[in-house]
């Protein structure tokens, strides 16, 4: 079931998001960043800031009262920014991500927005291909990958964000 997440969901969301993106647990799934980055993907402070901004919505996918997927949606002008699409590593490739993506598109249409945009790390070719199979196109826009205490790069390849967009 997909519903809007609340402040009470922050601890579970932080645990889920970090387990899917970084560290050993993330290697059980196909979308890990563990070979590129170390440290945490997010923390409770960042998640609280996200929740306190009215332009942001986090959708959660729950099964048996456990959050097993989530996605961040941000209203940006006439577009909806999609970020942190997350599925529990052991459940990846089971259709949950596709359902969250479809619900994000429903939300964008309900808000009268013209497209969904996102950024993906340039070297994540399998993930970029997945989004392209779901109708997203590379806009050609690029942005430097941020270096900070949360996102510690361990990749030999230079990292940058590529922008993907799907017109609705």
C-alpha atoms as a PDB file:
ATOM      1  CA  UNK A   1       0.000   0.000   0.000  1.00  0.00           C
ATOM      2  CA  UNK A   2       1.343   3.450  -0.937  1.00  0.00           C
ATOM      3  CA  UNK A   3       0.554   6.310   1.445  1.00  0.00           C
ATOM      4  CA  UNK A   4       2.076   9.617   2.507  1.00  0.00           C
ATOM      5  CA  UNK A   5       4.843   9.234   5.090  1.00  0.00           C
ATOM      6  CA  UNK A   6       4.782  11.213   8.339  1.00  0.00           C
ATOM      7  CA  UNK A   7       7.350  12.500  10.831  1.00  0.00           C
ATOM      8  CA  UNK A   8       6.834   9.310  12.859  1.00  0.00           C
ATOM      9  CA  UNK A   9       8.177   7.323   9.885  1.00  0.00           C
ATOM     10  CA  UNK A  10      11.578   9.068   9.890  1.00  0.00           C
ATOM     11  CA  UNK A  11      13.551   6.399  11.839  1.00  0.00           C
ATOM     12  CA  UNK A  12      12.230   3.592   9.596  1.00  0.00           C
ATOM     13  CA  UNK A  13      12.813   5.645   6.431  1.00  0.00           C
ATOM     14  CA  UNK A  14      16.399   6.514   7.399  1.00  0.00           C
ATOM     15  CA  UNK A  15      17.140   2.847   8.090  1.00  0.00           C
ATOM     16  CA  UNK A  16      15.539   1.726   4.805  1.00  0.00           C
ATOM     17  CA  UNK A  17      17.200   4.391   2.626  1.00  0.00           C
ATOM     18  CA  UNK A  18      20.669   3.830   4.099  1.00  0.00           C
ATOM     19  CA  UNK A  19      20.309   0.039   3.792  1.00  0.00           C
ATOM     20  CA  UNK A  20      19.389   0.316   0.106  1.00  0.00           C
ATOM     21  CA  UNK A  21      22.059   2.790  -1.000  1.00  0.00           C
ATOM     22  CA  UNK A  22      25.176   2.174   1.098  1.00  0.00           C
ATOM     23  CA  UNK A  23      27.055  -0.497   2.991  1.00  0.00           C
ATOM     24  CA  UNK A  24      26.955  -4.283   2.884  1.00  0.00           C
ATOM     25  CA  UNK A  25      23.177  -4.595   3.073  1.00  0.00           C
ATOM     26  CA  UNK A  26      22.789  -2.572  -0.131  1.00  0.00           C
ATOM     27  CA  UNK A  27      24.795  -5.149  -2.080  1.00  0.00           C
ATOM     28  CA  UNK A  28      21.819  -7.536  -1.852  1.00  0.00           C
ATOM     29  CA  UNK A  29      20.027  -5.283  -4.351  1.00  0.00           C
ATOM     30  CA  UNK A  30      20.938  -4.166  -7.865  1.00  0.00           C
ATOM     31  CA  UNK A  31      20.883  -0.401  -7.223  1.00  0.00           C
ATOM     32  CA  UNK A  32      23.629  -0.112  -4.604  1.00  0.00           C
ATOM     33  CA  UNK A  33      26.023   2.845  -4.482  1.00  0.00           C
ATOM     34  CA  UNK A  34      28.385   1.028  -2.098  1.00  0.00           C
ATOM     35  CA  UNK A  35      31.075   0.731  -4.792  1.00  0.00           C
ATOM     36  CA  UNK A  36      30.933   4.506  -5.406  1.00  0.00           C
ATOM     37  CA  UNK A  37      30.256   6.102  -2.032  1.00  0.00           C
ATOM     38  CA  UNK A  38      30.618   5.384   1.635  1.00  0.00           C
ATOM     39  CA  UNK A  39      28.966   6.887   4.672  1.00  0.00           C
ATOM     40  CA  UNK A  40      25.234   7.379   4.997  1.00  0.00           C
ATOM     41  CA  UNK A  41      22.780   8.332   2.259  1.00  0.00           C
ATOM     42  CA  UNK A  42      20.686  10.343   4.711  1.00  0.00           C
ATOM     43  CA  UNK A  43      20.160  10.954   8.415  1.00  0.00           C
ATOM     44  CA  UNK A  44      17.323  11.932  10.737  1.00  0.00           C
ATOM     45  CA  UNK A  45      18.254  15.615  10.609  1.00  0.00           C
ATOM     46  CA  UNK A  46      18.090  15.764   6.796  1.00  0.00           C
ATOM     47  CA  UNK A  47      14.842  13.785   6.736  1.00  0.00           C
ATOM     48  CA  UNK A  48      13.262  16.109   9.315  1.00  0.00           C
ATOM     49  CA  UNK A  49      14.195  19.122   7.154  1.00  0.00           C
ATOM     50  CA  UNK A  50      12.591  17.405   4.148  1.00  0.00           C
ATOM     51  CA  UNK A  51       9.352  16.819   6.061  1.00  0.00           C
ATOM     52  CA  UNK A  52       9.207  20.403   7.354  1.00  0.00           C
ATOM     53  CA  UNK A  53       9.237  21.871   3.809  1.00  0.00           C
ATOM     54  CA  UNK A  54       5.659  22.017   2.481  1.00  0.00           C
ATOM     55  CA  UNK A  55       6.870  21.509  -1.118  1.00  0.00           C
ATOM     56  CA  UNK A  56       8.102  18.024  -0.213  1.00  0.00           C
ATOM     57  CA  UNK A  57       6.168  14.763   0.047  1.00  0.00           C
ATOM     58  CA  UNK A  58       7.549  11.351   0.878  1.00  0.00           C
ATOM     59  CA  UNK A  59       5.464   8.399  -0.209  1.00  0.00           C
ATOM     60  CA  UNK A  60       5.957   5.092   1.570  1.00  0.00           C
ATOM     61  CA  UNK A  61       5.193   1.575   0.361  1.00  0.00           C
ATOM     62  CA  UNK A  62       4.167  -0.582   3.294  1.00  0.00           C
ATOM     63  CA  UNK A  63       3.530  -4.277   3.608  1.00  0.00           C
ATOM     64  CA  UNK A  64       2.598  -5.954   6.901  1.00  0.00           C
ATOM     65  CA  UNK A  65       3.059  -2.573   8.653  1.00  0.00           C
ATOM     66  CA  UNK A  66       6.694  -2.381   7.499  1.00  0.00           C
ATOM     67  CA  UNK A  67       8.031   0.319   5.158  1.00  0.00           C
ATOM     68  CA  UNK A  68       9.709  -1.498   2.253  1.00  0.00           C
ATOM     69  CA  UNK A  69       9.858   1.342  -0.273  1.00  0.00           C
ATOM     70  CA  UNK A  70       9.762   5.128  -0.465  1.00  0.00           C
ATOM     71  CA  UNK A  71      10.201   8.088  -2.784  1.00  0.00           C
ATOM     72  CA  UNK A  72      10.736  11.816  -2.276  1.00  0.00           C
ATOM     73  CA  UNK A  73       8.624  14.175  -4.387  1.00  0.00           C
ATOM     74  CA  UNK A  74       9.364  17.914  -4.547  1.00  0.00           C
ATOM     75  CA  UNK A  75       7.231  20.513  -6.320  1.00  0.00           C
ATOM     76  CA  UNK A  76       9.559  22.729  -8.393  1.00  0.00           C
ATOM     77  CA  UNK A  77       7.603  25.180 -10.501  1.00  0.00           C
ATOM     78  CA  UNK A  78       5.816  23.264 -13.283  1.00  0.00           C
ATOM     79  CA  UNK A  79       7.814  20.094 -12.583  1.00  0.00           C
ATOM     80  CA  UNK A  80       7.909  17.412  -9.910  1.00  0.00           C
ATOM     81  CA  UNK A  81      11.401  16.433  -8.757  1.00  0.00           C
ATOM     82  CA  UNK A  82      11.689  12.737  -7.890  1.00  0.00           C
ATOM     83  CA  UNK A  83      14.474  11.656  -5.552  1.00  0.00           C
ATOM     84  CA  UNK A  84      15.594   8.886  -3.234  1.00  0.00           C
ATOM     85  CA  UNK A  85      13.465   6.199  -4.888  1.00  0.00           C
ATOM     86  CA  UNK A  86      14.145   3.346  -2.497  1.00  0.00           C
ATOM     87  CA  UNK A  87      13.202  -0.319  -2.301  1.00  0.00           C
ATOM     88  CA  UNK A  88      14.442  -2.694   0.374  1.00  0.00           C
ATOM     89  CA  UNK A  89      17.505  -4.461  -1.167  1.00  0.00           C
ATOM     90  CA  UNK A  90      16.127  -8.002  -0.833  1.00  0.00           C
ATOM     91  CA  UNK A  91      12.852  -6.956  -2.511  1.00  0.00           C
ATOM     92  CA  UNK A  92      14.341  -5.074  -5.459  1.00  0.00           C
ATOM     93  CA  UNK A  93      13.245  -6.248  -8.900  1.00  0.00           C
ATOM     94  CA  UNK A  94       9.790  -7.232  -7.598  1.00  0.00           C
ATOM     95  CA  UNK A  95       7.790  -4.310  -9.049  1.00  0.00           C
ATOM     96  CA  UNK A  96       7.728  -2.052  -5.969  1.00  0.00           C
ATOM     97  CA  UNK A  97       9.892   0.627  -7.599  1.00  0.00           C
ATOM     98  CA  UNK A  98       7.671   0.589 -10.681  1.00  0.00           C
ATOM     99  CA  UNK A  99       4.576   1.090  -8.475  1.00  0.00           C
ATOM    100  CA  UNK A 100       6.208   4.010  -6.636  1.00  0.00           C
ATOM    101  CA  UNK A 101       7.204   5.564  -9.974  1.00  0.00           C
ATOM    102  CA  UNK A 102       3.629   5.227 -11.261  1.00  0.00           C
ATOM    103  CA  UNK A 103       2.230   6.819  -8.095  1.00  0.00           C
ATOM    104  CA  UNK A 104       4.713   9.708  -8.435  1.00  0.00           C
ATOM    105  CA  UNK A 105       3.374  10.272 -11.963  1.00  0.00           C
ATOM    106  CA  UNK A 106      -0.206  10.207 -10.619  1.00  0.00           C
ATOM    107  CA  UNK A 107       0.737  12.813  -8.000  1.00  0.00           C
ATOM    108  CA  UNK A 108       2.370  15.054 -10.633  1.00  0.00           C
ATOM    109  CA  UNK A 109      -0.702  14.848 -12.877  1.00  0.00           C
ATOM    110  CA  UNK A 110      -3.020  15.584  -9.931  1.00  0.00           C
ATOM    111  CA  UNK A 111      -0.982  18.731  -9.241  1.00  0.00           C
ATOM    112  CA  UNK A 112      -1.232  19.739 -12.905  1.00  0.00           C
ATOM    113  CA  UNK A 113       2.539  19.520 -13.444  1.00  0.00           C
ATOM    114  CA  UNK A 114       3.987  18.999 -16.928  1.00  0.00           C
ATOM    115  CA  UNK A 115       6.894  16.659 -16.183  1.00  0.00           C
ATOM    116  CA  UNK A 116       8.941  14.740 -13.631  1.00  0.00           C
ATOM    117  CA  UNK A 117      12.665  15.429 -13.338  1.00  0.00           C
ATOM    118  CA  UNK A 118      15.389  13.635 -11.427  1.00  0.00           C
ATOM    119  CA  UNK A 119      19.138  13.361 -11.102  1.00  0.00           C
ATOM    120  CA  UNK A 120      21.053  10.082 -11.281  1.00  0.00           C
ATOM    121  CA  UNK A 121      24.778   9.554 -10.763  1.00  0.00           C
ATOM    122  CA  UNK A 122      26.302   9.337 -14.246  1.00  0.00           C
ATOM    123  CA  UNK A 123      28.073   5.998 -13.776  1.00  0.00           C
ATOM    124  CA  UNK A 124      24.878   4.214 -12.637  1.00  0.00           C
ATOM    125  CA  UNK A 125      24.223   2.915 -16.141  1.00  0.00           C
ATOM    126  CA  UNK A 126      21.855   0.094 -15.129  1.00  0.00           C
ATOM    127  CA  UNK A 127      19.697   2.520 -13.150  1.00  0.00           C
ATOM    128  CA  UNK A 128      19.658   5.102 -15.960  1.00  0.00           C
ATOM    129  CA  UNK A 129      18.605   2.338 -18.378  1.00  0.00           C
ATOM    130  CA  UNK A 130      15.774   1.337 -15.984  1.00  0.00           C
ATOM    131  CA  UNK A 131      14.436   4.893 -15.908  1.00  0.00           C
ATOM    132  CA  UNK A 132      14.716   5.172 -19.697  1.00  0.00           C
ATOM    133  CA  UNK A 133      12.622   1.991 -20.034  1.00  0.00           C
ATOM    134  CA  UNK A 134       9.989   3.841 -17.980  1.00  0.00           C
ATOM    135  CA  UNK A 135       9.867   6.834 -20.321  1.00  0.00           C
ATOM    136  CA  UNK A 136      12.547   9.118 -18.900  1.00  0.00           C
ATOM    137  CA  UNK A 137      15.025  10.830 -21.241  1.00  0.00           C
ATOM    138  CA  UNK A 138      18.445  12.355 -20.659  1.00  0.00           C
ATOM    139  CA  UNK A 139      18.066  16.143 -20.876  1.00  0.00           C
ATOM    140  CA  UNK A 140      21.790  16.663 -21.483  1.00  0.00           C
ATOM    141  CA  UNK A 141      22.059  18.758 -18.314  1.00  0.00           C
ATOM    142  CA  UNK A 142      24.831  17.843 -15.868  1.00  0.00           C
ATOM    143  CA  UNK A 143      25.731  18.921 -12.340  1.00  0.00           C
ATOM    144  CA  UNK A 144      28.802  18.250 -10.199  1.00  0.00           C
ATOM    145  CA  UNK A 145      28.324  15.577  -7.541  1.00  0.00           C
ATOM    146  CA  UNK A 146      28.448  17.144  -4.054  1.00  0.00           C
ATOM    147  CA  UNK A 147      31.321  16.228  -1.770  1.00  0.00           C
ATOM    148  CA  UNK A 148      30.483  16.466   1.923  1.00  0.00           C
ATOM    149  CA  UNK A 149      30.610  14.501   5.172  1.00  0.00           C
ATOM    150  CA  UNK A 150      27.603  12.389   4.162  1.00  0.00           C
ATOM    151  CA  UNK A 151      28.547  11.634   0.546  1.00  0.00           C
ATOM    152  CA  UNK A 152      32.157  10.349   0.606  1.00  0.00           C
ATOM    153  CA  UNK A 153      33.306   9.329  -2.879  1.00  0.00           C
ATOM    154  CA  UNK A 154      35.406   6.151  -3.111  1.00  0.00           C
ATOM    155  CA  UNK A 155      35.071   5.722  -6.871  1.00  0.00           C
ATOM    156  CA  UNK A 156      38.056   6.221  -9.177  1.00  0.00           C
ATOM    157  CA  UNK A 157      35.682   7.585 -11.806  1.00  0.00           C
ATOM    158  CA  UNK A 158      34.600  11.216 -11.554  1.00  0.00           C
ATOM    159  CA  UNK A 159      30.961  11.438 -10.498  1.00  0.00           C
ATOM    160  CA  UNK A 160      28.341  13.844 -11.754  1.00  0.00           C
ATOM    161  CA  UNK A 161      24.576  13.987 -11.838  1.00  0.00           C
ATOM    162  CA  UNK A 162      22.729  13.609 -15.103  1.00  0.00           C
ATOM    163  CA  UNK A 163      19.219  14.992 -15.387  1.00  0.00           C
ATOM    164  CA  UNK A 164      16.393  12.767 -16.607  1.00  0.00           C
ATOM    165  CA  UNK A 165      12.894  13.966 -17.457  1.00  0.00           C
ATOM    166  CA  UNK A 166       9.558  12.444 -18.327  1.00  0.00           C
ATOM    167  CA  UNK A 167       6.900  14.641 -19.935  1.00  0.00           C
ATOM    168  CA  UNK A 168       3.395  13.941 -18.673  1.00  0.00           C
END
